[in-house]
C-alpha cells in the first residue's frame, strides 16, 4: 500500500499550490460547457422521481456513506426492472462495502473525510444530476447520452448497462469532481494515495455487486465475464481499475491548466475519451435479449438451464490521439 507523497513528487503537476476558488469555478464552468458537445436532449420519459442528494455532507463519515447507500438503493428500487437500474444497484453495493471497510478498518484512509465523504458525496451527486437531466429530456454529456440511450434502446445485457454507466461516471464525471475537490491536502501533499486505496473498496464490492445484478436483473451476469462483457480479454473489474487511473491522470491535467485554452483542451480529452469508450461498450447488441432479461427480472424464469450464448466480437480498446502522452 502506498503512502501520500509531497505534491512536488507527483509527475505532471506544476510547483505546489493549493486548489483555490478560481480553479474550482473554472473547472465547474468547463463541466457545464461540456453539455454543449452532446447530441441534444433525450426524449422526455415516464416520471421517476430522483432521490434528493445534497452536494456535500457535514455528518460523520460513516453516516454520510450510509445516507448515500440509502439514496442509491431508493433509486434502484424505484426503477424496478428498467434497464437503468443495474448501475444504482452496483453503486449501492459500493457504498455498503465502503461503510463496512470504514467500520472494520478505520485507518484505511489517511484523510477519510475526503475520499469517503466529500469526494464520495459530490461524485454521487454528479451521477444523480446526469440521471435527472436525462429523465427530464435535457442534454447530458455524450458518454452519459450513449449510456442512457443504450439502456432505452434494447439489446444490451444488465452488465453491459452497468458498464456503460460506470464508464460515463468514472471516465467522464470523476476527473471534474476530483479537480473541483482538490488533488492536494491543505498541507500541500498529494491525495493520490487515498484515491488509490479506494480501489480496495471496489475490490470488496465487485463480487457482491455482480451477484446482486445477476439475481435482480439478468441471469447472464452470473456466468463468465466474457459472456456479457463486450471488451474481449479485459474483465469488468480490470476496466474499473484502468478507468480510475485514467480519471486521476485527466484530473491532474484539468488541475494543471493555466489558461482557458489548456482547460478546454483538457476537457475535450475527458469528453472524447469517455465517449469513445461508451461507443465501444454499446457497439454489441443481441436482438431479442430484452425479453430474456425482462422476463427474468419480473420473476418469469426461462425454461432453459443456461442463458443463451451471446457471440461477442473482440473490439480494440479506444485510445484517442489527444490522450497519448509521452
Foldseek 3Di string as FASTA:
>chain_A
DDDWFFLVPDPPADPFDWDDPVLLVLLVVLQVVLLVVAPWFADADDDQDQDDADLFDPDPLLVQLVVLLVRLVVSLVSCQQQLLNLQSLLVSLLSVLVSVCCVVPVPLAPCSCPPRGNLVSNLSVVLSVQVVCRNRRGGDFLLSVLLVCLSVPAQAASVLSNLSSLLCSLLQVLLSSDLSSIQADPVRIGRVVRLVSSLVSVVVRVVVSLVVCCQQFNVQSVDDQVQHFLAPPAGSSNVSVVSNVNSVVLSSQSNRDDDSVSNNLSNVVSRVLSNQVSCSSSVHGHPPCCVQRSCVNVPNHDPDPGDDGDDRDHDDRDDDPSNDDD
